[in-house]
């Protein structure tokens, strides 16, 4: 990671449930994959992503987060589902699986 990427990543880090996390959409963006592809890779490897390292935000958490960052509303192309978040450890695991899904077969 080069020095110009540090502020980009720092702006995407949040504290939720007492853990430092990154949103699935932000992690996918950093990896150059779609959020859907990242979440599909995680779903295919569910046993490697325990709930305490990677979890889906409840409605209140998603609403609170939306008020902190600018996101589009669901009526105008926004998310249909609450975001998944990853702790640092699981973000590294997810990046590994999303990289595998990018490889040509």
PDB file of N, CA and C in Angstrom:
ATOM      1  N   UNK A   1       0.853  -1.166   0.000  1.00  0.00           N
ATOM      2  CA  UNK A   1       0.000   0.000   0.000  1.00  0.00           C
ATOM      3  C   UNK A   1       0.902   1.233   0.000  1.00  0.00           C
ATOM      4  N   UNK A   2       0.582   2.190  -0.868  1.00  0.00           N
ATOM      5  CA  UNK A   2       1.411   3.393  -0.885  1.00  0.00           C
ATOM      6  C   UNK A   2       0.780   4.477  -0.011  1.00  0.00           C
ATOM      7  N   UNK A   3       1.528   5.539   0.212  1.00  0.00           N
ATOM      8  CA  UNK A   3       1.092   6.592   1.149  1.00  0.00           C
ATOM      9  C   UNK A   3      -0.159   7.321   0.691  1.00  0.00           C
ATOM     10  N   UNK A   4      -0.420   7.383  -0.601  1.00  0.00           N
ATOM     11  CA  UNK A   4      -1.620   8.082  -1.079  1.00  0.00           C
ATOM     12  C   UNK A   4      -2.887   7.294  -0.785  1.00  0.00           C
ATOM     13  N   UNK A   5      -2.778   5.990  -0.543  1.00  0.00           N
ATOM     14  CA  UNK A   5      -3.944   5.172  -0.250  1.00  0.00           C
ATOM     15  C   UNK A   5      -4.381   5.262   1.212  1.00  0.00           C
ATOM     16  N   UNK A   6      -3.496   5.653   2.104  1.00  0.00           N
ATOM     17  CA  UNK A   6      -3.807   5.676   3.533  1.00  0.00           C
ATOM     18  C   UNK A   6      -5.011   6.575   3.846  1.00  0.00           C
ATOM     19  N   UNK A   7      -5.056   7.847   3.383  1.00  0.00           N
ATOM     20  CA  UNK A   7      -6.238   8.665   3.687  1.00  0.00           C
ATOM     21  C   UNK A   7      -7.517   8.086   3.088  1.00  0.00           C
ATOM     22  N   UNK A   8      -7.400   7.482   1.910  1.00  0.00           N
ATOM     23  CA  UNK A   8      -8.555   6.871   1.260  1.00  0.00           C
ATOM     24  C   UNK A   8      -9.137   5.761   2.135  1.00  0.00           C
ATOM     25  N   UNK A   9      -8.291   4.953   2.710  1.00  0.00           N
ATOM     26  CA  UNK A   9      -8.740   3.855   3.560  1.00  0.00           C
ATOM     27  C   UNK A   9      -9.227   4.376   4.912  1.00  0.00           C
ATOM     28  N   UNK A  10      -8.518   5.339   5.493  1.00  0.00           N
ATOM     29  CA  UNK A  10      -8.903   5.873   6.799  1.00  0.00           C
ATOM     30  C   UNK A  10     -10.312   6.448   6.779  1.00  0.00           C
ATOM     31  N   UNK A  11     -10.701   7.062   5.679  1.00  0.00           N
ATOM     32  CA  UNK A  11     -12.043   7.638   5.569  1.00  0.00           C
ATOM     33  C   UNK A  11     -13.132   6.572   5.482  1.00  0.00           C
ATOM     34  N   UNK A  12     -12.751   5.336   5.260  1.00  0.00           N
ATOM     35  CA  UNK A  12     -13.719   4.253   5.096  1.00  0.00           C
ATOM     36  C   UNK A  12     -13.825   3.351   6.326  1.00  0.00           C
ATOM     37  N   UNK A  13     -13.109   3.689   7.366  1.00  0.00           N
ATOM     38  CA  UNK A  13     -13.106   2.890   8.592  1.00  0.00           C
ATOM     39  C   UNK A  13     -14.156   3.444   9.546  1.00  0.00           C
ATOM     40  N   UNK A  14     -14.937   2.547  10.164  1.00  0.00           N
ATOM     41  CA  UNK A  14     -15.988   2.940  11.103  1.00  0.00           C
ATOM     42  C   UNK A  14     -15.888   2.097  12.367  1.00  0.00           C
ATOM     43  N   UNK A  15     -16.469   2.593  13.429  1.00  0.00           N
ATOM     44  CA  UNK A  15     -16.533   1.837  14.673  1.00  0.00           C
ATOM     45  C   UNK A  15     -17.989   1.430  14.904  1.00  0.00           C
ATOM     46  N   UNK A  16     -18.229   0.124  14.883  1.00  0.00           N
ATOM     47  CA  UNK A  16     -19.581  -0.416  15.063  1.00  0.00           C
ATOM     48  C   UNK A  16     -19.492  -1.610  15.998  1.00  0.00           C
ATOM     49  N   UNK A  17     -20.394  -1.669  16.970  1.00  0.00           N
ATOM     50  CA  UNK A  17     -20.413  -2.747  17.967  1.00  0.00           C
ATOM     51  C   UNK A  17     -19.065  -2.883  18.673  1.00  0.00           C
ATOM     52  N   UNK A  18     -18.398  -1.749  18.843  1.00  0.00           N
ATOM     53  CA  UNK A  18     -17.122  -1.752  19.540  1.00  0.00           C
ATOM     54  C   UNK A  18     -15.977  -2.314  18.726  1.00  0.00           C
ATOM     55  N   UNK A  19     -16.188  -2.504  17.435  1.00  0.00           N
ATOM     56  CA  UNK A  19     -15.134  -3.033  16.570  1.00  0.00           C
ATOM     57  C   UNK A  19     -14.852  -2.045  15.448  1.00  0.00           C
ATOM     58  N   UNK A  20     -13.626  -2.024  15.001  1.00  0.00           N
ATOM     59  CA  UNK A  20     -13.238  -1.195  13.868  1.00  0.00           C
ATOM     60  C   UNK A  20     -13.505  -2.020  12.617  1.00  0.00           C
ATOM     61  N   UNK A  21     -14.327  -1.468  11.706  1.00  0.00           N
ATOM     62  CA  UNK A  21     -14.781  -2.245  10.549  1.00  0.00           C
ATOM     63  C   UNK A  21     -14.728  -1.408   9.272  1.00  0.00           C
ATOM     64  N   UNK A  22     -14.849  -2.107   8.156  1.00  0.00           N
ATOM     65  CA  UNK A  22     -14.978  -1.473   6.847  1.00  0.00           C
ATOM     66  C   UNK A  22     -16.203  -2.073   6.164  1.00  0.00           C
ATOM     67  N   UNK A  23     -16.951  -1.236   5.455  1.00  0.00           N
ATOM     68  CA  UNK A  23     -18.149  -1.690   4.749  1.00  0.00           C
ATOM     69  C   UNK A  23     -17.787  -2.580   3.565  1.00  0.00           C
ATOM     70  N   UNK A  24     -18.676  -3.506   3.247  1.00  0.00           N
ATOM     71  CA  UNK A  24     -18.457  -4.380   2.103  1.00  0.00           C
ATOM     72  C   UNK A  24     -18.270  -3.595   0.811  1.00  0.00           C
ATOM     73  N   UNK A  25     -19.048  -2.546   0.625  1.00  0.00           N
ATOM     74  CA  UNK A  25     -18.945  -1.755  -0.607  1.00  0.00           C
ATOM     75  C   UNK A  25     -17.594  -1.040  -0.701  1.00  0.00           C
ATOM     76  N   UNK A  26     -17.089  -0.570   0.426  1.00  0.00           N
ATOM     77  CA  UNK A  26     -15.782   0.089   0.423  1.00  0.00           C
ATOM     78  C   UNK A  26     -14.657  -0.903   0.162  1.00  0.00           C
ATOM     79  N   UNK A  27     -14.762  -2.067   0.774  1.00  0.00           N
ATOM     80  CA  UNK A  27     -13.744  -3.094   0.564  1.00  0.00           C
ATOM     81  C   UNK A  27     -13.758  -3.558  -0.892  1.00  0.00           C
ATOM     82  N   UNK A  28     -14.942  -3.746  -1.446  1.00  0.00           N
ATOM     83  CA  UNK A  28     -15.054  -4.150  -2.852  1.00  0.00           C
ATOM     84  C   UNK A  28     -14.458  -3.086  -3.767  1.00  0.00           C
ATOM     85  N   UNK A  29     -14.728  -1.825  -3.457  1.00  0.00           N
ATOM     86  CA  UNK A  29     -14.197  -0.724  -4.250  1.00  0.00           C
ATOM     87  C   UNK A  29     -12.664  -0.723  -4.216  1.00  0.00           C
ATOM     88  N   UNK A  30     -12.094  -0.926  -3.053  1.00  0.00           N
ATOM     89  CA  UNK A  30     -10.634  -0.978  -2.928  1.00  0.00           C
ATOM     90  C   UNK A  30     -10.043  -2.144  -3.714  1.00  0.00           C
ATOM     91  N   UNK A  31     -10.816  -3.234  -3.817  1.00  0.00           N
ATOM     92  CA  UNK A  31     -10.350  -4.432  -4.523  1.00  0.00           C
ATOM     93  C   UNK A  31     -10.652  -4.410  -6.015  1.00  0.00           C
ATOM     94  N   UNK A  32     -11.483  -3.470  -6.443  1.00  0.00           N
ATOM     95  CA  UNK A  32     -11.836  -3.415  -7.856  1.00  0.00           C
ATOM     96  C   UNK A  32     -12.846  -4.465  -8.280  1.00  0.00           C
ATOM     97  N   UNK A  33     -13.680  -4.905  -7.334  1.00  0.00           N
ATOM     98  CA  UNK A  33     -14.756  -5.852  -7.648  1.00  0.00           C
ATOM     99  C   UNK A  33     -16.077  -5.222  -7.232  1.00  0.00           C
ATOM    100  N   UNK A  34     -17.169  -5.822  -7.650  1.00  0.00           N
ATOM    101  CA  UNK A  34     -18.475  -5.320  -7.228  1.00  0.00           C
ATOM    102  C   UNK A  34     -18.772  -5.802  -5.812  1.00  0.00           C
ATOM    103  N   UNK A  35     -19.635  -5.081  -5.138  1.00  0.00           N
ATOM    104  CA  UNK A  35     -20.054  -5.494  -3.798  1.00  0.00           C
ATOM    105  C   UNK A  35     -20.720  -6.862  -3.866  1.00  0.00           C
ATOM    106  N   UNK A  36     -21.511  -7.068  -4.901  1.00  0.00           N
ATOM    107  CA  UNK A  36     -22.190  -8.350  -5.083  1.00  0.00           C
ATOM    108  C   UNK A  36     -21.179  -9.493  -5.196  1.00  0.00           C
ATOM    109  N   UNK A  37     -20.125  -9.296  -5.985  1.00  0.00           N
ATOM    110  CA  UNK A  37     -19.110 -10.339  -6.155  1.00  0.00           C
ATOM    111  C   UNK A  37     -18.393 -10.633  -4.841  1.00  0.00           C
ATOM    112  N   UNK A  38     -18.080  -9.578  -4.084  1.00  0.00           N
ATOM    113  CA  UNK A  38     -17.428  -9.767  -2.791  1.00  0.00           C
ATOM    114  C   UNK A  38     -18.327 -10.567  -1.850  1.00  0.00           C
ATOM    115  N   UNK A  39     -19.591 -10.171  -1.750  1.00  0.00           N
ATOM    116  CA  UNK A  39     -20.512 -10.866  -0.844  1.00  0.00           C
ATOM    117  C   UNK A  39     -20.791 -12.297  -1.291  1.00  0.00           C
ATOM    118  N   UNK A  40     -20.786 -12.546  -2.599  1.00  0.00           N
ATOM    119  CA  UNK A  40     -20.950 -13.914  -3.085  1.00  0.00           C
ATOM    120  C   UNK A  40     -19.748 -14.771  -2.705  1.00  0.00           C
ATOM    121  N   UNK A  41     -18.558 -14.198  -2.806  1.00  0.00           N
ATOM    122  CA  UNK A  41     -17.345 -14.928  -2.421  1.00  0.00           C
ATOM    123  C   UNK A  41     -17.386 -15.266  -0.936  1.00  0.00           C
ATOM    124  N   UNK A  42     -17.858 -14.327  -0.121  1.00  0.00           N
ATOM    125  CA  UNK A  42     -17.985 -14.566   1.318  1.00  0.00           C
ATOM    126  C   UNK A  42     -19.025 -15.657   1.575  1.00  0.00           C
ATOM    127  N   UNK A  43     -20.159 -15.595   0.870  1.00  0.00           N
ATOM    128  CA  UNK A  43     -21.218 -16.593   1.055  1.00  0.00           C
ATOM    129  C   UNK A  43     -20.737 -17.993   0.687  1.00  0.00           C
ATOM    130  N   UNK A  44     -19.918 -18.085  -0.342  1.00  0.00           N
ATOM    131  CA  UNK A  44     -19.389 -19.388  -0.752  1.00  0.00           C
ATOM    132  C   UNK A  44     -18.399 -19.948   0.267  1.00  0.00           C
ATOM    133  N   UNK A  45     -17.847 -19.084   1.089  1.00  0.00           N
ATOM    134  CA  UNK A  45     -16.853 -19.493   2.094  1.00  0.00           C
ATOM    135  C   UNK A  45     -17.323 -19.116   3.499  1.00  0.00           C
ATOM    136  N   UNK A  46     -18.609 -19.292   3.745  1.00  0.00           N
ATOM    137  CA  UNK A  46     -19.248 -18.856   4.981  1.00  0.00           C
ATOM    138  C   UNK A  46     -18.572 -19.382   6.243  1.00  0.00           C
ATOM    139  N   UNK A  47     -18.068 -20.599   6.200  1.00  0.00           N
ATOM    140  CA  UNK A  47     -17.436 -21.191   7.382  1.00  0.00           C
ATOM    141  C   UNK A  47     -16.152 -20.469   7.782  1.00  0.00           C
ATOM    142  N   UNK A  48     -15.591 -19.661   6.897  1.00  0.00           N
ATOM    143  CA  UNK A  48     -14.354 -18.933   7.204  1.00  0.00           C
ATOM    144  C   UNK A  48     -14.609 -17.512   7.696  1.00  0.00           C
ATOM    145  N   UNK A  49     -15.868 -17.118   7.790  1.00  0.00           N
ATOM    146  CA  UNK A  49     -16.216 -15.759   8.209  1.00  0.00           C
ATOM    147  C   UNK A  49     -17.167 -15.802   9.410  1.00  0.00           C
ATOM    148  N   UNK A  50     -16.636 -16.017  10.616  1.00  0.00           N
ATOM    149  CA  UNK A  50     -17.492 -16.071  11.808  1.00  0.00           C
ATOM    150  C   UNK A  50     -18.239 -14.748  12.021  1.00  0.00           C
ATOM    151  N   UNK A  51     -19.397 -14.825  12.612  1.00  0.00           N
ATOM    152  CA  UNK A  51     -20.267 -13.674  12.816  1.00  0.00           C
ATOM    153  C   UNK A  51     -19.601 -12.542  13.586  1.00  0.00           C
ATOM    154  N   UNK A  52     -18.666 -12.843  14.477  1.00  0.00           N
ATOM    155  CA  UNK A  52     -18.039 -11.780  15.262  1.00  0.00           C
ATOM    156  C   UNK A  52     -16.924 -11.067  14.485  1.00  0.00           C
ATOM    157  N   UNK A  53     -16.528 -11.576  13.318  1.00  0.00           N
ATOM    158  CA  UNK A  53     -15.540 -10.901  12.484  1.00  0.00           C
ATOM    159  C   UNK A  53     -16.165 -10.232  11.272  1.00  0.00           C
ATOM    160  N   UNK A  54     -17.310 -10.711  10.859  1.00  0.00           N
ATOM    161  CA  UNK A  54     -17.993 -10.198   9.684  1.00  0.00           C
ATOM    162  C   UNK A  54     -19.482 -10.306   9.965  1.00  0.00           C
ATOM    163  N   UNK A  55     -20.174  -9.184   9.943  1.00  0.00           N
ATOM    164  CA  UNK A  55     -21.590  -9.239  10.272  1.00  0.00           C
ATOM    165  C   UNK A  55     -22.378  -8.240   9.447  1.00  0.00           C
ATOM    166  N   UNK A  56     -23.676  -8.498   9.353  1.00  0.00           N
ATOM    167  CA  UNK A  56     -24.582  -7.611   8.620  1.00  0.00           C
ATOM    168  C   UNK A  56     -25.179  -6.639   9.626  1.00  0.00           C
ATOM    169  N   UNK A  57     -25.167  -5.371   9.260  1.00  0.00           N
ATOM    170  CA  UNK A  57     -25.699  -4.344  10.160  1.00  0.00           C
ATOM    171  C   UNK A  57     -27.197  -4.502  10.335  1.00  0.00           C
ATOM    172  N   UNK A  58     -27.674  -4.254  11.552  1.00  0.00           N
ATOM    173  CA  UNK A  58     -29.120  -4.241  11.756  1.00  0.00           C
ATOM    174  C   UNK A  58     -29.660  -2.909  11.238  1.00  0.00           C
ATOM    175  N   UNK A  59     -30.984  -2.757  11.187  1.00  0.00           N
ATOM    176  CA  UNK A  59     -31.594  -1.553  10.606  1.00  0.00           C
ATOM    177  C   UNK A  59     -31.133  -0.273  11.287  1.00  0.00           C
ATOM    178  N   UNK A  60     -31.043  -0.282  12.622  1.00  0.00           N
ATOM    179  CA  UNK A  60     -30.632   0.920  13.356  1.00  0.00           C
ATOM    180  C   UNK A  60     -29.184   1.290  13.044  1.00  0.00           C
ATOM    181  N   UNK A  61     -28.311   0.297  13.003  1.00  0.00           N
ATOM    182  CA  UNK A  61     -26.909   0.550  12.682  1.00  0.00           C
ATOM    183  C   UNK A  61     -26.770   1.107  11.263  1.00  0.00           C
ATOM    184  N   UNK A  62     -27.524   0.538  10.331  1.00  0.00           N
ATOM    185  CA  UNK A  62     -27.467   1.012   8.944  1.00  0.00           C
ATOM    186  C   UNK A  62     -27.972   2.446   8.843  1.00  0.00           C
ATOM    187  N   UNK A  63     -29.038   2.762   9.567  1.00  0.00           N
ATOM    188  CA  UNK A  63     -29.576   4.121   9.567  1.00  0.00           C
ATOM    189  C   UNK A  63     -28.569   5.097  10.166  1.00  0.00           C
ATOM    190  N   UNK A  64     -27.974   4.735  11.290  1.00  0.00           N
ATOM    191  CA  UNK A  64     -26.963   5.587  11.921  1.00  0.00           C
ATOM    192  C   UNK A  64     -25.780   5.820  10.988  1.00  0.00           C
ATOM    193  N   UNK A  65     -25.348   4.785  10.318  1.00  0.00           N
ATOM    194  CA  UNK A  65     -24.221   4.911   9.405  1.00  0.00           C
ATOM    195  C   UNK A  65     -24.582   5.802   8.218  1.00  0.00           C
ATOM    196  N   UNK A  66     -25.793   5.625   7.696  1.00  0.00           N
ATOM    197  CA  UNK A  66     -26.246   6.444   6.573  1.00  0.00           C
ATOM    198  C   UNK A  66     -26.258   7.917   6.939  1.00  0.00           C
ATOM    199  N   UNK A  67     -26.574   8.235   8.188  1.00  0.00           N
ATOM    200  CA  UNK A  67     -26.595   9.637   8.604  1.00  0.00           C
ATOM    201  C   UNK A  67     -25.174  10.207   8.725  1.00  0.00           C
ATOM    202  N   UNK A  68     -24.175   9.338   8.864  1.00  0.00           N
ATOM    203  CA  UNK A  68     -22.788   9.781   8.988  1.00  0.00           C
ATOM    204  C   UNK A  68     -22.093   9.929   7.638  1.00  0.00           C
ATOM    205  N   UNK A  69     -22.509   9.136   6.660  1.00  0.00           N
ATOM    206  CA  UNK A  69     -21.889   9.188   5.336  1.00  0.00           C
ATOM    207  C   UNK A  69     -22.968   9.425   4.294  1.00  0.00           C
ATOM    208  N   UNK A  70     -22.589   9.942   3.159  1.00  0.00           N
ATOM    209  CA  UNK A  70     -23.559  10.231   2.109  1.00  0.00           C
ATOM    210  C   UNK A  70     -23.776   8.978   1.277  1.00  0.00           C
ATOM    211  N   UNK A  71     -25.023   8.505   1.260  1.00  0.00           N
ATOM    212  CA  UNK A  71     -25.389   7.369   0.417  1.00  0.00           C
ATOM    213  C   UNK A  71     -26.687   7.694  -0.277  1.00  0.00           C
ATOM    214  N   UNK A  72     -26.919   7.025  -1.379  1.00  0.00           N
ATOM    215  CA  UNK A  72     -28.171   7.268  -2.090  1.00  0.00           C
ATOM    216  C   UNK A  72     -29.307   6.540  -1.390  1.00  0.00           C
ATOM    217  N   UNK A  73     -30.501   7.043  -1.560  1.00  0.00           N
ATOM    218  CA  UNK A  73     -31.658   6.408  -0.949  1.00  0.00           C
ATOM    219  C   UNK A  73     -32.054   5.180  -1.750  1.00  0.00           C
ATOM    220  N   UNK A  74     -32.808   4.277  -1.138  1.00  0.00           N
ATOM    221  CA  UNK A  74     -33.159   3.032  -1.808  1.00  0.00           C
ATOM    222  C   UNK A  74     -34.028   3.265  -3.031  1.00  0.00           C
ATOM    223  N   UNK A  75     -34.752   4.368  -3.097  1.00  0.00           N
ATOM    224  CA  UNK A  75     -35.581   4.654  -4.257  1.00  0.00           C
ATOM    225  C   UNK A  75     -34.787   5.158  -5.445  1.00  0.00           C
ATOM    226  N   UNK A  76     -33.540   5.488  -5.251  1.00  0.00           N
ATOM    227  CA  UNK A  76     -32.728   6.064  -6.320  1.00  0.00           C
ATOM    228  C   UNK A  76     -31.422   5.301  -6.516  1.00  0.00           C
ATOM    229  N   UNK A  77     -31.489   4.008  -6.546  1.00  0.00           N
ATOM    230  CA  UNK A  77     -30.300   3.211  -6.823  1.00  0.00           C
ATOM    231  C   UNK A  77     -29.494   2.828  -5.601  1.00  0.00           C
ATOM    232  N   UNK A  78     -30.011   3.028  -4.419  1.00  0.00           N
ATOM    233  CA  UNK A  78     -29.285   2.673  -3.199  1.00  0.00           C
ATOM    234  C   UNK A  78     -29.333   1.184  -2.937  1.00  0.00           C
ATOM    235  N   UNK A  79     -28.846   0.794  -1.791  1.00  0.00           N
ATOM    236  CA  UNK A  79     -28.788  -0.620  -1.429  1.00  0.00           C
ATOM    237  C   UNK A  79     -30.164  -1.158  -1.080  1.00  0.00           C
ATOM    238  N   UNK A  80     -30.386  -2.404  -1.411  1.00  0.00           N
ATOM    239  CA  UNK A  80     -31.627  -3.072  -1.029  1.00  0.00           C
ATOM    240  C   UNK A  80     -31.485  -3.785   0.305  1.00  0.00           C
ATOM    241  N   UNK A  81     -30.245  -4.098   0.677  1.00  0.00           N
ATOM    242  CA  UNK A  81     -29.972  -4.857   1.888  1.00  0.00           C
ATOM    243  C   UNK A  81     -29.036  -4.070   2.789  1.00  0.00           C
ATOM    244  N   UNK A  82     -29.091  -4.389   4.065  1.00  0.00           N
ATOM    245  CA  UNK A  82     -28.155  -3.760   4.994  1.00  0.00           C
ATOM    246  C   UNK A  82     -26.739  -4.214   4.648  1.00  0.00           C
ATOM    247  N   UNK A  83     -25.773  -3.316   4.816  1.00  0.00           N
ATOM    248  CA  UNK A  83     -24.400  -3.684   4.453  1.00  0.00           C
ATOM    249  C   UNK A  83     -23.785  -4.701   5.403  1.00  0.00           C
ATOM    250  N   UNK A  84     -22.875  -5.459   4.868  1.00  0.00           N
ATOM    251  CA  UNK A  84     -22.023  -6.342   5.662  1.00  0.00           C
ATOM    252  C   UNK A  84     -20.789  -5.535   6.002  1.00  0.00           C
ATOM    253  N   UNK A  85     -20.240  -5.736   7.174  1.00  0.00           N
ATOM    254  CA  UNK A  85     -19.000  -5.080   7.559  1.00  0.00           C
ATOM    255  C   UNK A  85     -17.981  -6.145   7.940  1.00  0.00           C
ATOM    256  N   UNK A  86     -16.719  -5.787   7.790  1.00  0.00           N
ATOM    257  CA  UNK A  86     -15.622  -6.702   8.068  1.00  0.00           C
ATOM    258  C   UNK A  86     -14.649  -6.060   9.035  1.00  0.00           C
ATOM    259  N   UNK A  87     -14.198  -6.840  10.018  1.00  0.00           N
ATOM    260  CA  UNK A  87     -13.104  -6.377  10.863  1.00  0.00           C
ATOM    261  C   UNK A  87     -11.829  -6.461  10.037  1.00  0.00           C
ATOM    262  N   UNK A  88     -10.742  -5.948  10.566  1.00  0.00           N
ATOM    263  CA  UNK A  88      -9.481  -5.944   9.829  1.00  0.00           C
ATOM    264  C   UNK A  88      -9.083  -7.348   9.389  1.00  0.00           C
ATOM    265  N   UNK A  89      -9.173  -8.300  10.296  1.00  0.00           N
ATOM    266  CA  UNK A  89      -8.790  -9.679   9.988  1.00  0.00           C
ATOM    267  C   UNK A  89      -9.637 -10.243   8.862  1.00  0.00           C
ATOM    268  N   UNK A  90     -10.932 -10.066   8.956  1.00  0.00           N
ATOM    269  CA  UNK A  90     -11.819 -10.631   7.945  1.00  0.00           C
ATOM    270  C   UNK A  90     -11.760  -9.866   6.635  1.00  0.00           C
ATOM    271  N   UNK A  91     -11.414  -8.586   6.685  1.00  0.00           N
ATOM    272  CA  UNK A  91     -11.251  -7.826   5.441  1.00  0.00           C
ATOM    273  C   UNK A  91     -10.115  -8.431   4.624  1.00  0.00           C
ATOM    274  N   UNK A  92      -9.048  -8.835   5.291  1.00  0.00           N
ATOM    275  CA  UNK A  92      -7.933  -9.470   4.594  1.00  0.00           C
ATOM    276  C   UNK A  92      -8.356 -10.803   3.993  1.00  0.00           C
ATOM    277  N   UNK A  93      -9.153 -11.572   4.746  1.00  0.00           N
ATOM    278  CA  UNK A  93      -9.654 -12.851   4.228  1.00  0.00           C
ATOM    279  C   UNK A  93     -10.568 -12.612   3.026  1.00  0.00           C
ATOM    280  N   UNK A  94     -11.459 -11.636   3.134  1.00  0.00           N
ATOM    281  CA  UNK A  94     -12.400 -11.354   2.049  1.00  0.00           C
ATOM    282  C   UNK A  94     -11.660 -10.914   0.795  1.00  0.00           C
ATOM    283  N   UNK A  95     -10.612 -10.135   0.972  1.00  0.00           N
ATOM    284  CA  UNK A  95      -9.816  -9.684  -0.180  1.00  0.00           C
ATOM    285  C   UNK A  95      -9.193 -10.892  -0.882  1.00  0.00           C
ATOM    286  N   UNK A  96      -8.783 -11.861  -0.109  1.00  0.00           N
ATOM    287  CA  UNK A  96      -8.189 -13.058  -0.696  1.00  0.00           C
ATOM    288  C   UNK A  96      -9.208 -13.800  -1.563  1.00  0.00           C
ATOM    289  N   UNK A  97     -10.437 -13.930  -1.041  1.00  0.00           N
ATOM    290  CA  UNK A  97     -11.470 -14.644  -1.787  1.00  0.00           C
ATOM    291  C   UNK A  97     -11.966 -13.846  -2.979  1.00  0.00           C
ATOM    292  N   UNK A  98     -12.051 -12.516  -2.844  1.00  0.00           N
ATOM    293  CA  UNK A  98     -12.491 -11.718  -3.991  1.00  0.00           C
ATOM    294  C   UNK A  98     -11.420 -11.726  -5.078  1.00  0.00           C
ATOM    295  N   UNK A  99     -10.147 -11.796  -4.695  1.00  0.00           N
ATOM    296  CA  UNK A  99      -9.067 -11.878  -5.683  1.00  0.00           C
ATOM    297  C   UNK A  99      -9.162 -13.194  -6.448  1.00  0.00           C
ATOM    298  N   UNK A 100      -9.530 -14.266  -5.762  1.00  0.00           N
ATOM    299  CA  UNK A 100      -9.685 -15.548  -6.428  1.00  0.00           C
ATOM    300  C   UNK A 100     -10.839 -15.504  -7.429  1.00  0.00           C
ATOM    301  N   UNK A 101     -11.890 -14.759  -7.096  1.00  0.00           N
ATOM    302  CA  UNK A 101     -13.030 -14.699  -8.003  1.00  0.00           C
ATOM    303  C   UNK A 101     -12.734 -13.844  -9.235  1.00  0.00           C
ATOM    304  N   UNK A 102     -11.699 -12.990  -9.166  1.00  0.00           N
ATOM    305  CA  UNK A 102     -11.315 -12.165 -10.317  1.00  0.00           C
ATOM    306  C   UNK A 102     -10.455 -12.920 -11.310  1.00  0.00           C
ATOM    307  N   UNK A 103      -9.790 -13.986 -10.848  1.00  0.00           N
ATOM    308  CA  UNK A 103      -8.886 -14.735 -11.717  1.00  0.00           C
ATOM    309  C   UNK A 103      -9.663 -15.440 -12.827  1.00  0.00           C
ATOM    310  N   UNK A 104      -9.116 -15.419 -14.036  1.00  0.00           N
ATOM    311  CA  UNK A 104      -9.754 -16.186 -15.110  1.00  0.00           C
ATOM    312  C   UNK A 104      -9.618 -17.685 -14.838  1.00  0.00           C
ATOM    313  N   UNK A 105     -10.589 -18.426 -15.200  1.00  0.00           N
ATOM    314  CA  UNK A 105     -10.575 -19.875 -14.943  1.00  0.00           C
ATOM    315  C   UNK A 105     -10.252 -20.624 -16.199  1.00  0.00           C
TER     316      UNK A 105
END
